[in-house]
Amino acid sequence: MRARYRTPPAARPGPSGYRRGMRSRAPEHRPAASGPTLITLQDVQEAGRRVEGVLRRTPVDHSDTLSRLARRPILLKPEHLQRTGSFKIRGAYNRISRLDPGVAVVAASAGNHAQGVALAATLTGHRATIFMPASAPLPKIEATRSYGAEIVVGGDAVDDCIAGAQRFAAEHGAVFVPPFDDPLVIAGQGTVGLELAQEAPEAETVVVSVGGGGLVAGIATALAGLRPEVRVVGVEAAGAASMRASLDADRCVRLERLATMADGIALKSPCPLTLAHVKARVAELVTVTDEEISQALLLLLERAKAVVEPSGAAALAAVLSGKVPGSGPVVAVLSGGNVDPLLLIKLIDHGLSAAGRYVVLRVIVDDHPGSLATLTAEIARLGLNVLQVEHHRSGLDLGVAEVEIRLTLETRNTLHREEIVADLEKLGYHIEPLT
């Protein structure tokens, strides 16, 4: 990152016609006293000077393969390569570096924010205590500890940990560092936007995953001041769309339950501060399914050689699924890459299935010698690769003289999977595709 960021001439009016009543992004201003105070471009630029020399450079890269698939130029901002494996070090360092010497900090997180706070505290000479849920993956707990923090594990969810961290702060005189509900944290995350303004001058749209909303709020603020013609689109997981619900209700709405593999953006509610920023400066908000996320994650592994966590792949998922309007150059921010290897195995399997790369078939045949051999011979004749075979002679819906064979076959895509089923049915087999 360069030492200074040039402030452009007076901002031009932003685009209009945003979906579902969302307001046009305004140039730098502060809202009426009745609402939260929005951060400014100057706040983000000050954060940029503060984190300079601390961050790892993550220059934007153009992907030819993904561009062909999306039929529009796609650029990737690889924040999964940032220190601690995500953008979180930006906001954490901007907040903690302003504390007086000797002040302890405390935070609550299942992963990325925990690691960002731990490293930022170590770099600035502050003692850090991180509350993490019992469900947090062991590699994330160990990584946070390795950055110098003391770990307190307990509670079923991050919400429980936040309550514990806030009690700890009150009892020990520590400063609680929230993951997004803080102007300095948002300004720090906004330094991604400063870099995008320089690294991707051709971009018409920037797509950002949304959990609590700190990253999209910061990026939108930076671009509203530097390049107001750029549209910022936020992306939520369909099973955790708390920002969408809050925008529709014009107040912070708390979801009763979350259902998504993208744990990094699985937040039950945003805060008034991030909600106000999204209303003022984000052009549009869309949602993606877990299937779309897993397919994007798999493409990043195969084509971009990038290991990205589900929340980090959400932005690209929105672009590839056609949910981001336009045909011009678009930047997808890959916000993080801290994924548990065991979970990654499951995600790859899920992505392969969602992309139609294999099919599981249940085939009922007569129970006599040679039935399995005949079936596998037909599979070989069709040029299919068998990944797994299971042979069952018992089942509630099996006749006395019937046997069930479950085949896992490698396929090229969803259309190929449908062709295989049709071909086997023509041969007289009773086929039932399984998920």
Protein backbone atom coordinates (compact mmCIF):
# COMPACT_ATOMS: atom_id res chain seq x y z
CA MET A 1 0.00 0.00 0.00
CA ARG A 2 1.27 3.44 -0.85
CA ALA A 3 1.90 6.07 1.77
CA ARG A 4 -0.79 8.49 0.63
CA TYR A 5 -4.12 8.26 -1.13
CA ARG A 6 -5.04 11.09 -3.46
CA THR A 7 -8.43 12.68 -2.79
CA PRO A 8 -10.20 13.28 -6.11
CA PRO A 9 -12.14 16.38 -7.17
CA ALA A 10 -15.70 16.86 -5.93
CA ALA A 11 -17.64 13.62 -6.14
CA ARG A 12 -20.12 13.16 -8.95
CA PRO A 13 -23.64 11.94 -8.22
CA GLY A 14 -23.86 8.16 -7.90
CA PRO A 15 -26.12 5.94 -9.99
CA SER A 16 -29.80 5.73 -9.28
CA GLY A 17 -32.47 3.05 -9.42
CA TYR A 18 -31.18 0.73 -6.72
CA ARG A 19 -33.24 -2.33 -5.92
CA ARG A 20 -36.05 -2.42 -3.36
CA GLY A 21 -35.88 1.16 -2.24
CA MET A 22 -32.17 1.27 -1.37
CA ARG A 23 -30.84 4.79 -1.56
CA SER A 24 -28.17 6.10 -3.87
CA ARG A 25 -24.70 6.25 -2.33
CA ALA A 26 -24.02 9.79 -1.22
CA PRO A 27 -20.63 11.50 -1.40
CA GLU A 28 -18.88 12.21 1.89
CA HIS A 29 -21.37 13.59 4.37
CA ARG A 30 -22.70 12.85 7.81
CA PRO A 31 -26.37 12.11 8.38
CA ALA A 32 -28.72 13.96 10.65
CA ALA A 33 -28.14 13.68 14.36
CA SER A 34 -31.10 11.28 14.64
CA GLY A 35 -29.09 8.43 13.09
CA PRO A 36 -25.62 6.92 13.54
CA THR A 37 -22.71 9.05 12.35
CA LEU A 38 -21.19 7.66 9.17
CA ILE A 39 -17.45 7.46 8.75
CA THR A 40 -15.84 9.59 6.02
CA LEU A 41 -13.25 9.09 3.33
CA GLN A 42 -10.82 10.97 5.55
CA ASP A 43 -11.38 8.40 8.32
CA VAL A 44 -10.51 5.59 5.90
CA GLN A 45 -7.46 7.45 4.57
CA GLU A 46 -6.19 7.94 8.12
CA ALA A 47 -6.66 4.21 8.70
CA GLY A 48 -4.69 3.58 5.50
CA ARG A 49 -1.73 5.58 6.80
CA ARG A 50 -1.92 3.78 10.15
CA VAL A 51 -1.92 0.24 8.74
CA GLU A 52 0.72 0.99 6.12
CA GLY A 53 3.67 -1.32 6.63
CA VAL A 54 1.55 -3.76 8.64
CA LEU A 55 -0.49 -5.27 5.84
CA ARG A 56 0.57 -7.73 3.19
CA ARG A 57 -0.05 -6.52 -0.35
CA THR A 58 -2.98 -8.28 -2.06
CA PRO A 59 -3.04 -6.79 -5.57
CA VAL A 60 -6.10 -7.31 -7.76
CA ASP A 61 -5.73 -10.07 -10.36
CA HIS A 62 -7.70 -10.63 -13.56
CA SER A 63 -9.05 -14.15 -14.13
CA ASP A 64 -9.39 -15.17 -17.79
CA THR A 65 -11.10 -18.47 -16.95
CA LEU A 66 -13.70 -16.98 -14.62
CA SER A 67 -14.27 -14.13 -17.05
CA ARG A 68 -15.13 -16.59 -19.81
CA LEU A 69 -17.54 -18.42 -17.52
CA ALA A 70 -19.26 -15.22 -16.41
CA ARG A 71 -19.08 -13.60 -19.86
CA ARG A 72 -17.76 -10.41 -18.31
CA PRO A 73 -14.33 -9.33 -17.02
CA ILE A 74 -13.78 -10.64 -13.49
CA LEU A 75 -11.09 -9.34 -11.18
CA LEU A 76 -10.28 -10.90 -7.81
CA LYS A 77 -9.14 -9.06 -4.68
CA PRO A 78 -7.32 -11.86 -2.79
CA GLU A 79 -7.77 -10.88 0.84
CA HIS A 80 -7.53 -14.57 1.73
CA LEU A 81 -3.78 -13.99 1.27
CA GLN A 82 -3.75 -11.16 3.82
CA ARG A 83 -2.02 -11.61 7.18
CA THR A 84 -4.10 -13.89 9.43
CA GLY A 85 -5.87 -15.15 6.29
CA SER A 86 -8.54 -12.45 6.01
CA PHE A 87 -9.22 -8.71 5.87
CA LYS A 88 -9.89 -8.58 9.63
CA ILE A 89 -6.38 -7.46 10.57
CA ARG A 90 -7.15 -4.10 8.92
CA GLY A 91 -9.94 -3.04 11.25
CA ALA A 92 -8.46 -4.69 14.32
CA TYR A 93 -5.12 -2.92 13.91
CA ASN A 94 -6.72 0.46 13.22
CA ARG A 95 -8.72 0.14 16.45
CA ILE A 96 -6.12 -1.35 18.77
CA SER A 97 -3.20 0.80 17.62
CA ARG A 98 -4.99 3.88 19.00
CA LEU A 99 -5.18 2.56 22.56
CA ASP A 100 -2.93 3.77 25.37
CA PRO A 101 0.03 1.50 26.20
CA GLY A 102 -0.74 -1.28 28.64
CA VAL A 103 -4.48 -1.42 27.94
CA ALA A 104 -5.72 -4.98 27.54
CA VAL A 105 -8.16 -5.92 24.79
CA VAL A 106 -10.82 -8.60 24.57
CA ALA A 107 -12.86 -9.92 21.65
CA ALA A 108 -15.24 -12.71 20.72
CA SER A 109 -15.05 -14.66 17.47
CA ALA A 110 -15.09 -18.12 15.92
CA GLY A 111 -12.16 -17.42 13.65
CA ASN A 112 -11.16 -14.49 11.46
CA HIS A 113 -11.81 -11.61 13.86
CA ALA A 114 -10.13 -13.59 16.63
CA GLN A 115 -6.95 -13.95 14.62
CA GLY A 116 -7.00 -10.33 13.48
CA VAL A 117 -7.34 -9.02 17.04
CA ALA A 118 -4.70 -11.42 18.36
CA LEU A 119 -2.07 -10.36 15.83
CA ALA A 120 -2.94 -6.65 16.05
CA ALA A 121 -2.62 -6.77 19.83
CA THR A 122 0.75 -8.52 19.64
CA LEU A 123 2.07 -6.03 17.06
CA THR A 124 1.04 -3.07 19.21
CA GLY A 125 2.14 -4.49 22.57
CA HIS A 126 -1.29 -5.11 24.07
CA ARG A 127 -2.47 -8.20 25.93
CA ALA A 128 -5.42 -9.91 24.23
CA THR A 129 -8.04 -12.35 25.48
CA ILE A 130 -10.28 -13.99 22.91
CA PHE A 131 -13.54 -15.78 23.72
CA MET A 132 -14.27 -18.52 21.19
CA PRO A 133 -17.25 -20.92 21.00
CA ALA A 134 -16.80 -24.61 21.70
CA SER A 135 -17.75 -25.27 18.06
CA ALA A 136 -14.80 -23.24 16.70
CA PRO A 137 -12.47 -25.45 14.60
CA LEU A 138 -9.33 -26.48 16.45
CA PRO A 139 -6.99 -25.04 13.74
CA LYS A 140 -8.56 -21.60 14.21
CA ILE A 141 -8.21 -21.81 17.98
CA GLU A 142 -4.57 -22.83 17.69
CA ALA A 143 -3.86 -20.14 15.08
CA THR A 144 -5.34 -17.47 17.36
CA ARG A 145 -3.25 -18.72 20.27
CA SER A 146 -0.12 -18.70 18.09
CA TYR A 147 -0.63 -14.98 17.41
CA GLY A 148 -0.20 -14.35 21.13
CA ALA A 149 -3.72 -14.25 22.56
CA GLU A 150 -5.10 -16.02 25.61
CA ILE A 151 -8.05 -18.18 24.56
CA VAL A 152 -11.23 -18.78 26.56
CA VAL A 153 -13.31 -21.54 24.94
CA GLY A 154 -16.96 -21.93 25.89
CA GLY A 155 -20.52 -21.25 24.81
CA ASP A 156 -22.54 -22.68 21.97
CA ALA A 157 -22.38 -19.65 19.66
CA VAL A 158 -20.47 -16.43 19.06
CA ASP A 159 -23.34 -14.52 20.68
CA ASP A 160 -22.58 -16.33 23.97
CA CYS A 161 -18.91 -15.45 23.59
CA ILE A 162 -19.69 -11.77 23.00
CA ALA A 163 -21.62 -11.65 26.26
CA GLY A 164 -18.70 -13.30 28.06
CA ALA A 165 -16.18 -10.94 26.47
CA GLN A 166 -18.19 -7.89 27.46
CA ARG A 167 -18.40 -9.12 31.07
CA PHE A 168 -14.66 -9.70 31.03
CA ALA A 169 -14.08 -6.16 29.75
CA ALA A 170 -16.20 -4.67 32.55
CA GLU A 171 -14.56 -6.77 35.26
CA HIS A 172 -10.94 -6.33 34.13
CA GLY A 173 -10.94 -2.86 32.64
CA ALA A 174 -10.18 -4.23 29.16
CA VAL A 175 -11.33 -2.69 25.88
CA PHE A 176 -13.83 -4.76 23.94
CA VAL A 177 -12.99 -4.82 20.21
CA PRO A 178 -16.17 -5.59 18.23
CA PRO A 179 -16.00 -7.28 14.83
CA PHE A 180 -17.94 -4.52 13.02
CA ASP A 181 -19.84 -2.22 15.40
CA ASP A 182 -17.10 0.41 15.67
CA PRO A 183 -16.20 3.38 13.40
CA LEU A 184 -12.46 2.67 13.62
CA VAL A 185 -12.97 -0.99 12.71
CA ILE A 186 -15.12 -0.03 9.72
CA ALA A 187 -12.56 2.57 8.61
CA GLY A 188 -9.82 -0.05 8.80
CA GLN A 189 -11.79 -2.48 6.65
CA GLY A 190 -12.36 0.39 4.22
CA THR A 191 -8.67 0.40 3.32
CA VAL A 192 -9.58 -2.43 0.94
CA GLY A 193 -11.58 0.19 -0.96
CA LEU A 194 -8.62 2.55 -1.12
CA GLU A 195 -6.56 -0.18 -2.75
CA LEU A 196 -9.34 -1.09 -5.17
CA ALA A 197 -9.55 2.51 -6.37
CA GLN A 198 -5.89 2.27 -7.41
CA GLU A 199 -5.59 -1.38 -8.43
CA ALA A 200 -8.82 -1.72 -10.46
CA PRO A 201 -9.45 1.61 -12.22
CA GLU A 202 -11.50 -0.17 -14.90
CA ALA A 203 -13.96 -1.73 -12.45
CA GLU A 204 -17.61 -0.74 -12.76
CA THR A 205 -18.84 -2.86 -9.84
CA VAL A 206 -17.31 -4.15 -6.61
CA VAL A 207 -18.97 -7.16 -4.95
CA VAL A 208 -18.46 -7.78 -1.22
CA SER A 209 -19.71 -10.48 1.13
CA VAL A 210 -21.86 -9.22 4.00
CA GLY A 211 -22.12 -10.59 7.52
CA GLY A 212 -22.19 -7.84 10.12
CA GLY A 213 -21.55 -5.32 7.37
CA GLY A 214 -18.24 -3.76 8.45
CA LEU A 215 -16.31 -4.67 5.30
CA VAL A 216 -18.95 -3.54 2.80
CA ALA A 217 -19.54 -0.34 4.81
CA GLY A 218 -15.86 0.56 4.77
CA ILE A 219 -15.31 -0.28 1.09
CA ALA A 220 -18.44 1.63 0.04
CA THR A 221 -17.28 4.67 2.00
CA ALA A 222 -13.86 4.69 0.36
CA LEU A 223 -15.26 4.27 -3.15
CA ALA A 224 -18.03 6.83 -2.59
CA GLY A 225 -15.31 9.41 -2.03
CA LEU A 226 -12.73 8.25 -4.56
CA ARG A 227 -14.82 6.71 -7.36
CA PRO A 228 -18.51 7.45 -6.82
CA GLU A 229 -19.43 5.98 -10.23
CA VAL A 230 -18.52 2.47 -8.99
CA ARG A 231 -21.45 0.41 -7.75
CA VAL A 232 -20.91 -1.57 -4.55
CA VAL A 233 -23.02 -4.73 -4.27
CA GLY A 234 -23.31 -6.66 -1.02
CA VAL A 235 -23.82 -10.45 -0.91
CA GLU A 236 -25.41 -12.42 1.92
CA ALA A 237 -25.92 -16.13 2.35
CA ALA A 238 -29.59 -16.93 1.74
CA GLY A 239 -29.76 -18.73 5.07
CA ALA A 240 -28.35 -15.77 7.01
CA ALA A 241 -29.77 -12.67 5.30
CA SER A 242 -30.05 -10.45 8.37
CA MET A 243 -28.99 -7.27 6.55
CA ARG A 244 -31.67 -7.79 3.89
CA ALA A 245 -34.30 -8.30 6.59
CA SER A 246 -33.09 -5.20 8.42
CA LEU A 247 -33.19 -3.07 5.28
CA ASP A 248 -36.73 -4.20 4.54
CA ALA A 249 -37.83 -3.39 8.10
CA ASP A 250 -35.79 -0.15 8.27
CA ARG A 251 -34.37 -1.32 11.61
CA CYS A 252 -32.01 -4.00 12.85
CA VAL A 253 -33.79 -7.35 12.69
CA ARG A 254 -32.52 -10.38 14.59
CA LEU A 255 -32.94 -13.73 12.86
CA GLU A 256 -34.14 -16.67 14.91
CA ARG A 257 -31.92 -19.19 13.17
CA LEU A 258 -29.07 -19.39 10.68
CA ALA A 259 -28.65 -22.05 8.01
CA THR A 260 -25.53 -21.70 5.87
CA MET A 261 -22.11 -23.24 5.38
CA ALA A 262 -20.66 -19.70 5.21
CA ASP A 263 -20.02 -19.33 8.95
CA GLY A 264 -17.92 -16.21 8.43
CA ILE A 265 -21.00 -14.22 7.34
CA ALA A 266 -23.57 -16.06 9.45
CA LEU A 267 -24.69 -13.19 11.70
CA LYS A 268 -28.12 -13.02 13.29
CA SER A 269 -28.23 -9.23 13.13
CA PRO A 270 -26.24 -6.25 11.87
CA CYS A 271 -25.85 -3.16 14.05
CA PRO A 272 -27.42 0.30 13.55
CA LEU A 273 -24.04 1.68 12.46
CA THR A 274 -23.43 -0.79 9.63
CA LEU A 275 -27.10 -0.73 8.62
CA ALA A 276 -26.91 3.05 8.22
CA HIS A 277 -23.82 2.74 6.01
CA VAL A 278 -25.41 0.09 3.80
CA LYS A 279 -28.58 2.16 3.38
CA ALA A 280 -26.57 5.24 2.40
CA ARG A 281 -23.73 3.85 0.31
CA VAL A 282 -24.37 0.32 -0.98
CA ALA A 283 -26.08 0.08 -4.34
CA GLU A 284 -27.68 -3.33 -4.01
CA LEU A 285 -27.90 -6.38 -1.78
CA VAL A 286 -28.31 -9.92 -3.14
CA THR A 287 -28.29 -13.43 -1.67
CA VAL A 288 -26.63 -16.68 -2.76
CA THR A 289 -27.40 -20.27 -1.86
CA ASP A 290 -24.96 -22.72 -0.32
CA GLU A 291 -24.91 -24.60 -3.64
CA GLU A 292 -23.83 -21.45 -5.47
CA ILE A 293 -21.17 -20.76 -2.82
CA SER A 294 -19.78 -24.29 -2.99
CA GLN A 295 -19.57 -24.20 -6.78
CA ALA A 296 -17.69 -20.88 -6.63
CA LEU A 297 -15.37 -22.30 -3.99
CA LEU A 298 -14.64 -25.33 -6.17
CA LEU A 299 -13.94 -23.13 -9.22
CA LEU A 300 -11.51 -21.04 -7.18
CA LEU A 301 -9.68 -24.21 -6.15
CA GLU A 302 -9.58 -25.67 -9.65
CA ARG A 303 -9.10 -22.61 -11.84
CA ALA A 304 -7.58 -19.90 -9.63
CA LYS A 305 -5.59 -22.23 -7.34
CA ALA A 306 -7.07 -20.27 -4.41
CA VAL A 307 -8.10 -21.82 -1.09
CA VAL A 308 -11.01 -19.63 0.02
CA GLU A 309 -13.52 -20.17 2.82
CA PRO A 310 -17.26 -20.20 1.99
CA SER A 311 -17.84 -16.62 3.18
CA GLY A 312 -14.88 -15.53 1.08
CA ALA A 313 -16.35 -17.16 -2.03
CA ALA A 314 -19.82 -15.62 -1.64
CA ALA A 315 -18.99 -12.52 -3.70
CA LEU A 316 -17.78 -14.58 -6.66
CA ALA A 317 -20.81 -16.87 -6.29
CA ALA A 318 -23.10 -13.89 -6.81
CA VAL A 319 -21.26 -12.88 -9.98
CA LEU A 320 -21.15 -16.38 -11.49
CA SER A 321 -24.82 -17.01 -10.74
CA GLY A 322 -25.82 -13.87 -12.65
CA LYS A 323 -27.10 -11.97 -9.63
CA VAL A 324 -24.88 -8.93 -10.15
CA PRO A 325 -26.33 -6.75 -12.92
CA GLY A 326 -24.19 -5.39 -15.74
CA SER A 327 -21.65 -6.69 -18.20
CA GLY A 328 -18.66 -4.51 -17.37
CA PRO A 329 -15.60 -5.32 -15.26
CA VAL A 330 -16.48 -6.51 -11.76
CA VAL A 331 -14.26 -7.07 -8.72
CA ALA A 332 -15.09 -9.94 -6.36
CA VAL A 333 -13.50 -9.48 -2.95
CA LEU A 334 -12.26 -12.85 -1.66
CA SER A 335 -12.53 -11.84 1.97
CA GLY A 336 -10.96 -14.83 3.74
CA GLY A 337 -9.31 -18.21 3.43
CA ASN A 338 -9.39 -19.64 6.96
CA VAL A 339 -11.12 -22.94 6.33
CA ASP A 340 -10.67 -26.04 8.45
CA PRO A 341 -9.11 -28.81 6.26
CA LEU A 342 -11.75 -31.28 7.44
CA LEU A 343 -14.49 -28.86 6.46
CA LEU A 344 -12.72 -28.20 3.15
CA ILE A 345 -13.03 -31.89 2.27
CA LYS A 346 -16.79 -31.72 2.84
CA LEU A 347 -17.05 -28.45 0.92
CA ILE A 348 -15.21 -29.90 -2.06
CA ASP A 349 -17.54 -32.89 -2.04
CA HIS A 350 -20.55 -30.57 -1.79
CA GLY A 351 -19.22 -28.41 -4.60
CA LEU A 352 -18.62 -31.40 -6.88
CA SER A 353 -22.15 -32.60 -6.27
CA ALA A 354 -23.68 -29.15 -6.84
CA ALA A 355 -21.70 -28.78 -10.06
CA GLY A 356 -22.93 -32.15 -11.33
CA ARG A 357 -19.47 -33.68 -11.21
CA TYR A 358 -20.69 -37.00 -9.83
CA VAL A 359 -23.96 -38.81 -9.39
CA VAL A 360 -25.14 -41.41 -6.87
CA LEU A 361 -27.60 -43.90 -8.35
CA ARG A 362 -29.76 -46.49 -6.62
CA VAL A 363 -30.33 -49.44 -8.96
CA ILE A 364 -32.66 -52.35 -8.18
CA VAL A 365 -31.76 -55.61 -9.99
CA ASP A 366 -32.70 -59.28 -9.73
CA ASP A 367 -30.69 -61.12 -7.09
CA HIS A 368 -28.90 -63.75 -9.14
CA PRO A 369 -25.25 -64.41 -10.00
CA GLY A 370 -23.84 -62.01 -12.58
CA SER A 371 -26.30 -59.11 -12.02
CA LEU A 372 -23.64 -56.78 -10.66
CA ALA A 373 -21.18 -57.79 -13.39
CA THR A 374 -23.77 -57.11 -16.10
CA LEU A 375 -24.56 -53.68 -14.66
CA THR A 376 -20.91 -52.64 -14.33
CA ALA A 377 -20.28 -53.85 -17.88
CA GLU A 378 -22.99 -51.49 -19.13
CA ILE A 379 -21.45 -48.69 -17.05
CA ALA A 380 -18.08 -49.38 -18.68
CA ARG A 381 -19.67 -49.44 -22.15
CA LEU A 382 -21.05 -45.95 -21.47
CA GLY A 383 -17.50 -44.79 -20.69
CA LEU A 384 -18.20 -43.93 -17.06
CA ASN A 385 -15.75 -43.97 -14.18
CA VAL A 386 -17.02 -45.77 -11.06
CA LEU A 387 -15.97 -44.09 -7.82
CA GLN A 388 -17.79 -46.37 -5.40
CA VAL A 389 -20.07 -49.44 -5.38
CA GLU A 390 -22.33 -50.62 -2.52
CA HIS A 391 -24.28 -53.91 -2.61
CA HIS A 392 -27.32 -54.36 -0.31
CA ARG A 393 -29.62 -57.39 -0.06
CA SER A 394 -31.93 -55.99 2.65
CA GLY A 395 -34.28 -53.03 2.60
CA LEU A 396 -37.88 -52.15 3.36
CA ASP A 397 -38.75 -51.68 -0.32
CA LEU A 398 -36.77 -54.62 -1.71
CA GLY A 399 -38.41 -57.83 -2.83
CA VAL A 400 -37.18 -61.20 -1.67
CA ALA A 401 -35.43 -61.80 -5.01
CA GLU A 402 -34.12 -58.25 -5.44
CA VAL A 403 -30.86 -56.53 -4.57
CA GLU A 404 -29.97 -52.85 -4.31
CA ILE A 405 -26.78 -51.51 -5.88
CA ARG A 406 -25.60 -47.97 -5.15
CA LEU A 407 -23.18 -46.54 -7.67
CA THR A 408 -21.20 -43.32 -7.36
CA LEU A 409 -20.18 -42.28 -10.88
CA GLU A 410 -17.96 -39.48 -12.10
CA THR A 411 -19.77 -37.09 -14.47
CA ARG A 412 -18.91 -33.99 -16.48
CA ASN A 413 -21.86 -31.80 -15.50
CA THR A 414 -25.55 -31.85 -14.61
CA LEU A 415 -26.62 -32.53 -18.20
CA HIS A 416 -24.29 -35.52 -18.42
CA ARG A 417 -25.78 -36.84 -15.18
CA GLU A 418 -29.28 -36.72 -16.68
CA GLU A 419 -28.07 -38.48 -19.84
CA ILE A 420 -26.62 -41.34 -17.76
CA VAL A 421 -29.92 -41.90 -15.97
CA ALA A 422 -31.80 -41.90 -19.29
CA ASP A 423 -29.34 -44.34 -20.89
CA LEU A 424 -29.59 -46.85 -18.03
CA GLU A 425 -33.38 -46.61 -17.95
CA LYS A 426 -33.46 -47.43 -21.68
CA LEU A 427 -31.56 -50.62 -20.83
CA GLY A 428 -34.40 -51.63 -18.53
CA TYR A 429 -32.91 -50.72 -15.17
CA HIS A 430 -34.96 -49.13 -12.42
CA ILE A 431 -32.88 -46.03 -11.53
CA GLU A 432 -33.29 -43.65 -8.60
CA PRO A 433 -30.81 -40.71 -8.39
CA LEU A 434 -29.81 -39.93 -4.80
CA THR A 435 -28.58 -36.68 -3.26
